[in-house]
Amino acid sequence: MPPYPWLISDDMDLSTVSRKFSVLASSPMYTPYTNAEIKNAEANARTDALRIATQLRTEMGTNADKLPAQLENKEVIALIAYLQRLGTDLKKSGKAH
């Protein structure tokens, strides 16, 4: 697999995440996001990013100093969050259309 160095160096942009959720919740997608999820999407993403970054630092132990200081703001965290989320809503009742 080729390296993707920008994932660890580039900051993610969460400024449009609420708007993206809103678009996904409307026709023709009708993704079942609640108004609260749409409104709080950026804050929720930042909370998840901090959780993931903290977990990575903990797992790296003494090597955590090799990670960027602002790891929770990097693109790699968005990719990890996406991969962790894949398929998790499939069995939730009341979510499927």
PDB file of N, CA and C in Angstrom:
ATOM      1  N   MET A   1       0.853  -1.173   0.000  1.00  0.00           N
ATOM      2  CA  MET A   1       0.000   0.000   0.000  1.00  0.00           C
ATOM      3  C   MET A   1       0.902   1.241   0.000  1.00  0.00           C
ATOM      4  N   PRO A   2       0.587   2.202  -0.844  1.00  0.00           N
ATOM      5  CA  PRO A   2       1.424   3.401  -0.882  1.00  0.00           C
ATOM      6  C   PRO A   2       1.244   4.245   0.378  1.00  0.00           C
ATOM      7  N   PRO A   3       2.241   5.039   0.703  1.00  0.00           N
ATOM      8  CA  PRO A   3       2.097   5.929   1.863  1.00  0.00           C
ATOM      9  C   PRO A   3       1.174   7.107   1.525  1.00  0.00           C
ATOM     10  N   TYR A   4       0.510   7.611   2.511  1.00  0.00           N
ATOM     11  CA  TYR A   4      -0.367   8.769   2.375  1.00  0.00           C
ATOM     12  C   TYR A   4       0.046   9.783   3.444  1.00  0.00           C
ATOM     13  N   PRO A   5       1.195  10.428   3.253  1.00  0.00           N
ATOM     14  CA  PRO A   5       1.760  11.279   4.309  1.00  0.00           C
ATOM     15  C   PRO A   5       0.881  12.464   4.694  1.00  0.00           C
ATOM     16  N   TRP A   6       0.041  12.939   3.798  1.00  0.00           N
ATOM     17  CA  TRP A   6      -0.807  14.089   4.106  1.00  0.00           C
ATOM     18  C   TRP A   6      -1.866  13.758   5.154  1.00  0.00           C
ATOM     19  N   LEU A   7      -2.189  12.488   5.315  1.00  0.00           N
ATOM     20  CA  LEU A   7      -3.189  12.125   6.317  1.00  0.00           C
ATOM     21  C   LEU A   7      -2.728  12.486   7.725  1.00  0.00           C
ATOM     22  N   ILE A   8      -1.460  12.443   7.980  1.00  0.00           N
ATOM     23  CA  ILE A   8      -0.928  12.761   9.304  1.00  0.00           C
ATOM     24  C   ILE A   8      -0.500  14.224   9.416  1.00  0.00           C
ATOM     25  N   SER A   9      -0.316  14.895   8.282  1.00  0.00           N
ATOM     26  CA  SER A   9       0.145  16.288   8.336  1.00  0.00           C
ATOM     27  C   SER A   9      -0.962  17.308   8.068  1.00  0.00           C
ATOM     28  N   ASP A  10      -1.954  16.955   7.254  1.00  0.00           N
ATOM     29  CA  ASP A  10      -3.009  17.914   6.903  1.00  0.00           C
ATOM     30  C   ASP A  10      -4.130  17.922   7.932  1.00  0.00           C
ATOM     31  N   ASP A  11      -4.610  19.122   8.231  1.00  0.00           N
ATOM     32  CA  ASP A  11      -5.749  19.271   9.141  1.00  0.00           C
ATOM     33  C   ASP A  11      -7.052  18.953   8.415  1.00  0.00           C
ATOM     34  N   MET A  12      -7.969  18.323   9.131  1.00  0.00           N
ATOM     35  CA  MET A  12      -9.292  18.063   8.555  1.00  0.00           C
ATOM     36  C   MET A  12     -10.140  19.324   8.687  1.00  0.00           C
ATOM     37  N   ASP A  13     -11.091  19.465   7.783  1.00  0.00           N
ATOM     38  CA  ASP A  13     -11.996  20.612   7.785  1.00  0.00           C
ATOM     39  C   ASP A  13     -13.387  20.126   8.173  1.00  0.00           C
ATOM     40  N   LEU A  14     -13.819  20.460   9.370  1.00  0.00           N
ATOM     41  CA  LEU A  14     -15.138  20.045   9.847  1.00  0.00           C
ATOM     42  C   LEU A  14     -16.178  21.152   9.719  1.00  0.00           C
ATOM     43  N   SER A  15     -15.812  22.256   9.095  1.00  0.00           N
ATOM     44  CA  SER A  15     -16.718  23.408   9.031  1.00  0.00           C
ATOM     45  C   SER A  15     -17.981  23.152   8.220  1.00  0.00           C
ATOM     46  N   THR A  16     -17.963  22.173   7.343  1.00  0.00           N
ATOM     47  CA  THR A  16     -19.145  21.909   6.509  1.00  0.00           C
ATOM     48  C   THR A  16     -19.864  20.616   6.872  1.00  0.00           C
ATOM     49  N   VAL A  17     -19.466  19.962   7.941  1.00  0.00           N
ATOM     50  CA  VAL A  17     -20.038  18.648   8.259  1.00  0.00           C
ATOM     51  C   VAL A  17     -21.540  18.724   8.558  1.00  0.00           C
ATOM     52  N   SER A  18     -22.000  19.763   9.236  1.00  0.00           N
ATOM     53  CA  SER A  18     -23.441  19.903   9.508  1.00  0.00           C
ATOM     54  C   SER A  18     -24.221  20.063   8.210  1.00  0.00           C
ATOM     55  N   ARG A  19     -23.685  20.861   7.300  1.00  0.00           N
ATOM     56  CA  ARG A  19     -24.347  21.048   6.000  1.00  0.00           C
ATOM     57  C   ARG A  19     -24.392  19.743   5.212  1.00  0.00           C
ATOM     58  N   LYS A  20     -23.327  18.967   5.278  1.00  0.00           N
ATOM     59  CA  LYS A  20     -23.289  17.676   4.588  1.00  0.00           C
ATOM     60  C   LYS A  20     -24.325  16.720   5.174  1.00  0.00           C
ATOM     61  N   PHE A  21     -24.451  16.696   6.503  1.00  0.00           N
ATOM     62  CA  PHE A  21     -25.471  15.857   7.141  1.00  0.00           C
ATOM     63  C   PHE A  21     -26.862  16.280   6.699  1.00  0.00           C
ATOM     64  N   SER A  22     -27.080  17.569   6.617  1.00  0.00           N
ATOM     65  CA  SER A  22     -28.377  18.101   6.200  1.00  0.00           C
ATOM     66  C   SER A  22     -28.719  17.655   4.782  1.00  0.00           C
ATOM     67  N   VAL A  23     -27.749  17.710   3.893  1.00  0.00           N
ATOM     68  CA  VAL A  23     -27.962  17.267   2.510  1.00  0.00           C
ATOM     69  C   VAL A  23     -28.263  15.772   2.480  1.00  0.00           C
ATOM     70  N   LEU A  24     -27.515  15.005   3.237  1.00  0.00           N
ATOM     71  CA  LEU A  24     -27.743  13.554   3.271  1.00  0.00           C
ATOM     72  C   LEU A  24     -29.109  13.192   3.845  1.00  0.00           C
ATOM     73  N   ALA A  25     -29.630  14.026   4.730  1.00  0.00           N
ATOM     74  CA  ALA A  25     -30.924  13.751   5.360  1.00  0.00           C
ATOM     75  C   ALA A  25     -32.098  14.116   4.452  1.00  0.00           C
ATOM     76  N   SER A  26     -31.837  14.833   3.388  1.00  0.00           N
ATOM     77  CA  SER A  26     -32.933  15.266   2.507  1.00  0.00           C
ATOM     78  C   SER A  26     -33.042  14.362   1.273  1.00  0.00           C
ATOM     79  N   SER A  27     -34.018  14.657   0.443  1.00  0.00           N
ATOM     80  CA  SER A  27     -34.288  13.880  -0.777  1.00  0.00           C
ATOM     81  C   SER A  27     -33.092  13.945  -1.715  1.00  0.00           C
ATOM     82  N   PRO A  28     -32.723  12.895  -2.353  1.00  0.00           N
ATOM     83  CA  PRO A  28     -33.315  11.560  -2.389  1.00  0.00           C
ATOM     84  C   PRO A  28     -32.685  10.581  -1.400  1.00  0.00           C
ATOM     85  N   MET A  29     -31.696  11.034  -0.594  1.00  0.00           N
ATOM     86  CA  MET A  29     -30.975  10.117   0.289  1.00  0.00           C
ATOM     87  C   MET A  29     -31.782   9.700   1.512  1.00  0.00           C
ATOM     88  N   TYR A  30     -32.396  10.654   2.175  1.00  0.00           N
ATOM     89  CA  TYR A  30     -33.175  10.414   3.395  1.00  0.00           C
ATOM     90  C   TYR A  30     -32.400   9.625   4.444  1.00  0.00           C
ATOM     91  N   THR A  31     -31.118   9.944   4.595  1.00  0.00           N
ATOM     92  CA  THR A  31     -30.329   9.321   5.655  1.00  0.00           C
ATOM     93  C   THR A  31     -30.938   9.756   6.985  1.00  0.00           C
ATOM     94  N   PRO A  32     -31.169   8.818   7.889  1.00  0.00           N
ATOM     95  CA  PRO A  32     -31.926   9.138   9.115  1.00  0.00           C
ATOM     96  C   PRO A  32     -31.144   9.903  10.178  1.00  0.00           C
ATOM     97  N   TYR A  33     -30.687  11.109   9.837  1.00  0.00           N
ATOM     98  CA  TYR A  33     -30.067  11.973  10.833  1.00  0.00           C
ATOM     99  C   TYR A  33     -31.153  12.814  11.486  1.00  0.00           C
ATOM    100  N   THR A  34     -31.084  12.935  12.804  1.00  0.00           N
ATOM    101  CA  THR A  34     -32.031  13.785  13.513  1.00  0.00           C
ATOM    102  C   THR A  34     -31.575  15.242  13.392  1.00  0.00           C
ATOM    103  N   ASN A  35     -32.476  16.161  13.693  1.00  0.00           N
ATOM    104  CA  ASN A  35     -32.113  17.578  13.678  1.00  0.00           C
ATOM    105  C   ASN A  35     -30.979  17.855  14.664  1.00  0.00           C
ATOM    106  N   ALA A  36     -31.010  17.188  15.805  1.00  0.00           N
ATOM    107  CA  ALA A  36     -29.950  17.366  16.808  1.00  0.00           C
ATOM    108  C   ALA A  36     -28.610  16.858  16.277  1.00  0.00           C
ATOM    109  N   GLU A  37     -28.613  15.731  15.591  1.00  0.00           N
ATOM    110  CA  GLU A  37     -27.373  15.201  15.020  1.00  0.00           C
ATOM    111  C   GLU A  37     -26.807  16.157  13.966  1.00  0.00           C
ATOM    112  N   ILE A  38     -27.691  16.734  13.169  1.00  0.00           N
ATOM    113  CA  ILE A  38     -27.257  17.686  12.147  1.00  0.00           C
ATOM    114  C   ILE A  38     -26.690  18.938  12.807  1.00  0.00           C
ATOM    115  N   LYS A  39     -27.407  19.478  13.770  1.00  0.00           N
ATOM    116  CA  LYS A  39     -26.994  20.713  14.442  1.00  0.00           C
ATOM    117  C   LYS A  39     -25.661  20.537  15.176  1.00  0.00           C
ATOM    118  N   ASN A  40     -25.464  19.383  15.794  1.00  0.00           N
ATOM    119  CA  ASN A  40     -24.276  19.139  16.621  1.00  0.00           C
ATOM    120  C   ASN A  40     -23.198  18.325  15.911  1.00  0.00           C
ATOM    121  N   ALA A  41     -23.291  18.189  14.607  1.00  0.00           N
ATOM    122  CA  ALA A  41     -22.381  17.320  13.863  1.00  0.00           C
ATOM    123  C   ALA A  41     -20.912  17.697  14.049  1.00  0.00           C
ATOM    124  N   GLU A  42     -20.598  18.977  13.954  1.00  0.00           N
ATOM    125  CA  GLU A  42     -19.201  19.388  14.090  1.00  0.00           C
ATOM    126  C   GLU A  42     -18.690  19.129  15.504  1.00  0.00           C
ATOM    127  N   ALA A  43     -19.472  19.480  16.502  1.00  0.00           N
ATOM    128  CA  ALA A  43     -19.061  19.257  17.896  1.00  0.00           C
ATOM    129  C   ALA A  43     -18.908  17.766  18.177  1.00  0.00           C
ATOM    130  N   ASN A  44     -19.831  16.954  17.666  1.00  0.00           N
ATOM    131  CA  ASN A  44     -19.740  15.505  17.862  1.00  0.00           C
ATOM    132  C   ASN A  44     -18.509  14.930  17.172  1.00  0.00           C
ATOM    133  N   ALA A  45     -18.212  15.433  15.972  1.00  0.00           N
ATOM    134  CA  ALA A  45     -17.028  14.964  15.248  1.00  0.00           C
ATOM    135  C   ALA A  45     -15.757  15.327  16.015  1.00  0.00           C
ATOM    136  N   ARG A  46     -15.726  16.511  16.589  1.00  0.00           N
ATOM    137  CA  ARG A  46     -14.550  16.923  17.366  1.00  0.00           C
ATOM    138  C   ARG A  46     -14.390  16.069  18.634  1.00  0.00           C
ATOM    139  N   THR A  47     -15.506  15.734  19.266  1.00  0.00           N
ATOM    140  CA  THR A  47     -15.466  14.863  20.444  1.00  0.00           C
ATOM    141  C   THR A  47     -14.941  13.482  20.067  1.00  0.00           C
ATOM    142  N   ASP A  48     -15.444  12.935  18.955  1.00  0.00           N
ATOM    143  CA  ASP A  48     -14.974  11.629  18.480  1.00  0.00           C
ATOM    144  C   ASP A  48     -13.495  11.684  18.116  1.00  0.00           C
ATOM    145  N   ALA A  49     -13.068  12.770  17.478  1.00  0.00           N
ATOM    146  CA  ALA A  49     -11.670  12.918  17.079  1.00  0.00           C
ATOM    147  C   ALA A  49     -10.751  12.934  18.301  1.00  0.00           C
ATOM    148  N   LEU A  50     -11.165  13.638  19.326  1.00  0.00           N
ATOM    149  CA  LEU A  50     -10.361  13.684  20.546  1.00  0.00           C
ATOM    150  C   LEU A  50     -10.284  12.309  21.202  1.00  0.00           C
ATOM    151  N   ARG A  51     -11.398  11.581  21.207  1.00  0.00           N
ATOM    152  CA  ARG A  51     -11.415  10.217  21.765  1.00  0.00           C
ATOM    153  C   ARG A  51     -10.450   9.312  21.003  1.00  0.00           C
ATOM    154  N   ILE A  52     -10.495   9.367  19.682  1.00  0.00           N
ATOM    155  CA  ILE A  52      -9.630   8.521  18.858  1.00  0.00           C
ATOM    156  C   ILE A  52      -8.163   8.893  19.066  1.00  0.00           C
ATOM    157  N   ALA A  53      -7.857  10.184  19.060  1.00  0.00           N
ATOM    158  CA  ALA A  53      -6.473  10.640  19.253  1.00  0.00           C
ATOM    159  C   ALA A  53      -5.944  10.217  20.623  1.00  0.00           C
ATOM    160  N   THR A  54      -6.777  10.348  21.638  1.00  0.00           N
ATOM    161  CA  THR A  54      -6.379   9.943  22.994  1.00  0.00           C
ATOM    162  C   THR A  54      -6.105   8.442  23.046  1.00  0.00           C
ATOM    163  N   GLN A  55      -6.969   7.669  22.394  1.00  0.00           N
ATOM    164  CA  GLN A  55      -6.785   6.219  22.360  1.00  0.00           C
ATOM    165  C   GLN A  55      -5.482   5.857  21.635  1.00  0.00           C
ATOM    166  N   LEU A  56      -5.195   6.525  20.525  1.00  0.00           N
ATOM    167  CA  LEU A  56      -3.951   6.258  19.801  1.00  0.00           C
ATOM    168  C   LEU A  56      -2.730   6.588  20.653  1.00  0.00           C
ATOM    169  N   ARG A  57      -2.784   7.730  21.337  1.00  0.00           N
ATOM    170  CA  ARG A  57      -1.655   8.104  22.201  1.00  0.00           C
ATOM    171  C   ARG A  57      -1.445   7.076  23.305  1.00  0.00           C
ATOM    172  N   THR A  58      -2.547   6.599  23.887  1.00  0.00           N
ATOM    173  CA  THR A  58      -2.463   5.603  24.947  1.00  0.00           C
ATOM    174  C   THR A  58      -1.865   4.303  24.416  1.00  0.00           C
ATOM    175  N   GLU A  59      -2.338   3.864  23.256  1.00  0.00           N
ATOM    176  CA  GLU A  59      -1.853   2.614  22.676  1.00  0.00           C
ATOM    177  C   GLU A  59      -0.388   2.706  22.258  1.00  0.00           C
ATOM    178  N   MET A  60       0.064   3.891  21.881  1.00  0.00           N
ATOM    179  CA  MET A  60       1.460   4.068  21.455  1.00  0.00           C
ATOM    180  C   MET A  60       2.407   4.134  22.642  1.00  0.00           C
ATOM    181  N   GLY A  61       1.877   4.398  23.831  1.00  0.00           N
ATOM    182  CA  GLY A  61       2.708   4.415  25.039  1.00  0.00           C
ATOM    183  C   GLY A  61       3.872   5.379  24.937  1.00  0.00           C
ATOM    184  N   THR A  62       5.068   4.863  25.123  1.00  0.00           N
ATOM    185  CA  THR A  62       6.254   5.724  25.110  1.00  0.00           C
ATOM    186  C   THR A  62       6.568   6.288  23.731  1.00  0.00           C
ATOM    187  N   ASN A  63       5.985   5.746  22.685  1.00  0.00           N
ATOM    188  CA  ASN A  63       6.192   6.250  21.325  1.00  0.00           C
ATOM    189  C   ASN A  63       5.187   7.334  20.944  1.00  0.00           C
ATOM    190  N   ALA A  64       4.298   7.695  21.849  1.00  0.00           N
ATOM    191  CA  ALA A  64       3.266   8.693  21.548  1.00  0.00           C
ATOM    192  C   ALA A  64       3.858  10.042  21.189  1.00  0.00           C
ATOM    193  N   ASP A  65       5.082  10.303  21.627  1.00  0.00           N
ATOM    194  CA  ASP A  65       5.710  11.584  21.302  1.00  0.00           C
ATOM    195  C   ASP A  65       6.033  11.709  19.817  1.00  0.00           C
ATOM    196  N   LYS A  66       5.939  10.622  19.069  1.00  0.00           N
ATOM    197  CA  LYS A  66       6.156  10.650  17.617  1.00  0.00           C
ATOM    198  C   LYS A  66       4.924  11.126  16.862  1.00  0.00           C
ATOM    199  N   LEU A  67       3.788  11.201  17.553  1.00  0.00           N
ATOM    200  CA  LEU A  67       2.548  11.664  16.932  1.00  0.00           C
ATOM    201  C   LEU A  67       2.502  13.185  16.935  1.00  0.00           C
ATOM    202  N   PRO A  68       1.782  13.775  15.966  1.00  0.00           N
ATOM    203  CA  PRO A  68       1.664  15.238  15.953  1.00  0.00           C
ATOM    204  C   PRO A  68       0.990  15.748  17.224  1.00  0.00           C
ATOM    205  N   ALA A  69       1.376  16.938  17.646  1.00  0.00           N
ATOM    206  CA  ALA A  69       0.815  17.537  18.856  1.00  0.00           C
ATOM    207  C   ALA A  69      -0.700  17.706  18.758  1.00  0.00           C
ATOM    208  N   GLN A  70      -1.197  18.063  17.606  1.00  0.00           N
ATOM    209  CA  GLN A  70      -2.636  18.280  17.392  1.00  0.00           C
ATOM    210  C   GLN A  70      -3.234  17.128  16.587  1.00  0.00           C
ATOM    211  N   LEU A  71      -2.953  15.912  16.986  1.00  0.00           N
ATOM    212  CA  LEU A  71      -3.397  14.723  16.257  1.00  0.00           C
ATOM    213  C   LEU A  71      -4.908  14.710  16.023  1.00  0.00           C
ATOM    214  N   GLU A  72      -5.687  15.193  16.986  1.00  0.00           N
ATOM    215  CA  GLU A  72      -7.147  15.166  16.860  1.00  0.00           C
ATOM    216  C   GLU A  72      -7.668  16.041  15.719  1.00  0.00           C
ATOM    217  N   ASN A  73      -6.808  16.866  15.132  1.00  0.00           N
ATOM    218  CA  ASN A  73      -7.203  17.729  14.017  1.00  0.00           C
ATOM    219  C   ASN A  73      -6.750  17.209  12.661  1.00  0.00           C
ATOM    220  N   LYS A  74      -6.108  16.066  12.614  1.00  0.00           N
ATOM    221  CA  LYS A  74      -5.512  15.572  11.378  1.00  0.00           C
ATOM    222  C   LYS A  74      -6.473  14.683  10.579  1.00  0.00           C
ATOM    223  N   GLU A  75      -6.251  14.655   9.266  1.00  0.00           N
ATOM    224  CA  GLU A  75      -7.078  13.871   8.349  1.00  0.00           C
ATOM    225  C   GLU A  75      -7.115  12.389   8.715  1.00  0.00           C
ATOM    226  N   VAL A  76      -6.016  11.862   9.243  1.00  0.00           N
ATOM    227  CA  VAL A  76      -5.966  10.448   9.594  1.00  0.00           C
ATOM    228  C   VAL A  76      -7.042  10.096  10.622  1.00  0.00           C
ATOM    229  N   ILE A  77      -7.370  11.031  11.492  1.00  0.00           N
ATOM    230  CA  ILE A  77      -8.393  10.789  12.508  1.00  0.00           C
ATOM    231  C   ILE A  77      -9.763  10.661  11.852  1.00  0.00           C
ATOM    232  N   ALA A  78     -10.029  11.477  10.836  1.00  0.00           N
ATOM    233  CA  ALA A  78     -11.296  11.374  10.102  1.00  0.00           C
ATOM    234  C   ALA A  78     -11.400  10.018   9.404  1.00  0.00           C
ATOM    235  N   LEU A  79     -10.307   9.551   8.845  1.00  0.00           N
ATOM    236  CA  LEU A  79     -10.300   8.241   8.183  1.00  0.00           C
ATOM    237  C   LEU A  79     -10.546   7.122   9.198  1.00  0.00           C
ATOM    238  N   ILE A  80      -9.895   7.186  10.341  1.00  0.00           N
ATOM    239  CA  ILE A  80     -10.103   6.178  11.391  1.00  0.00           C
ATOM    240  C   ILE A  80     -11.550   6.193  11.867  1.00  0.00           C
ATOM    241  N   ALA A  81     -12.099   7.382  12.077  1.00  0.00           N
ATOM    242  CA  ALA A  81     -13.491   7.497  12.526  1.00  0.00           C
ATOM    243  C   ALA A  81     -14.435   6.875  11.491  1.00  0.00           C
ATOM    244  N   TYR A  82     -14.181   7.145  10.235  1.00  0.00           N
ATOM    245  CA  TYR A  82     -15.000   6.568   9.162  1.00  0.00           C
ATOM    246  C   TYR A  82     -14.913   5.041   9.171  1.00  0.00           C
ATOM    247  N   LEU A  83     -13.723   4.507   9.259  1.00  0.00           N
ATOM    248  CA  LEU A  83     -13.548   3.055   9.254  1.00  0.00           C
ATOM    249  C   LEU A  83     -14.183   2.399  10.478  1.00  0.00           C
ATOM    250  N   GLN A  84     -14.087   3.057  11.627  1.00  0.00           N
ATOM    251  CA  GLN A  84     -14.705   2.509  12.831  1.00  0.00           C
ATOM    252  C   GLN A  84     -16.230   2.515  12.727  1.00  0.00           C
ATOM    253  N   ARG A  85     -16.775   3.441  11.986  1.00  0.00           N
ATOM    254  CA  ARG A  85     -18.225   3.603  11.887  1.00  0.00           C
ATOM    255  C   ARG A  85     -18.877   2.674  10.854  1.00  0.00           C
ATOM    256  N   LEU A  86     -18.103   2.215   9.887  1.00  0.00           N
ATOM    257  CA  LEU A  86     -18.671   1.399   8.814  1.00  0.00           C
ATOM    258  C   LEU A  86     -19.498   0.237   9.347  1.00  0.00           C
ATOM    259  N   GLY A  87     -20.727   0.151   8.897  1.00  0.00           N
ATOM    260  CA  GLY A  87     -21.598  -0.963   9.229  1.00  0.00           C
ATOM    261  C   GLY A  87     -22.193  -0.956  10.612  1.00  0.00           C
ATOM    262  N   THR A  88     -21.908   0.050  11.438  1.00  0.00           N
ATOM    263  CA  THR A  88     -22.383   0.021  12.815  1.00  0.00           C
ATOM    264  C   THR A  88     -23.869   0.328  12.951  1.00  0.00           C
ATOM    265  N   ASP A  89     -24.480   0.954  11.956  1.00  0.00           N
ATOM    266  CA  ASP A  89     -25.895   1.296  12.042  1.00  0.00           C
ATOM    267  C   ASP A  89     -26.806   0.257  11.402  1.00  0.00           C
ATOM    268  N   LEU A  90     -26.249  -0.792  10.854  1.00  0.00           N
ATOM    269  CA  LEU A  90     -27.047  -1.767  10.115  1.00  0.00           C
ATOM    270  C   LEU A  90     -28.107  -2.453  10.961  1.00  0.00           C
ATOM    271  N   LYS A  91     -27.838  -2.674  12.214  1.00  0.00           N
ATOM    272  CA  LYS A  91     -28.765  -3.422  13.057  1.00  0.00           C
ATOM    273  C   LYS A  91     -29.552  -2.555  14.030  1.00  0.00           C
ATOM    274  N   LYS A  92     -29.425  -1.240  13.930  1.00  0.00           N
ATOM    275  CA  LYS A  92     -30.168  -0.361  14.826  1.00  0.00           C
ATOM    276  C   LYS A  92     -31.630  -0.326  14.398  1.00  0.00           C
ATOM    277  N   SER A  93     -32.514  -0.562  15.331  1.00  0.00           N
ATOM    278  CA  SER A  93     -33.935  -0.551  15.010  1.00  0.00           C
ATOM    279  C   SER A  93     -34.427   0.870  14.803  1.00  0.00           C
ATOM    280  N   GLY A  94     -35.357   1.039  13.883  1.00  0.00           N
ATOM    281  CA  GLY A  94     -35.958   2.332  13.624  1.00  0.00           C
ATOM    282  C   GLY A  94     -35.102   3.259  12.800  1.00  0.00           C
ATOM    283  N   LYS A  95     -33.944   2.832  12.378  1.00  0.00           N
ATOM    284  CA  LYS A  95     -33.060   3.695  11.596  1.00  0.00           C
ATOM    285  C   LYS A  95     -33.189   3.440  10.098  1.00  0.00           C
ATOM    286  N   ALA A  96     -33.559   2.261   9.708  1.00  0.00           N
ATOM    287  CA  ALA A  96     -33.606   1.921   8.275  1.00  0.00           C
ATOM    288  C   ALA A  96     -34.898   2.395   7.638  1.00  0.00           C
ATOM    289  N   HIS A  97     -34.814   2.766   6.364  1.00  0.00           N
ATOM    290  CA  HIS A  97     -36.000   3.152   5.594  1.00  0.00           C
ATOM    291  C   HIS A  97     -36.357   2.073   4.617  1.00  0.00           C
TER     292      HIS A  97
END
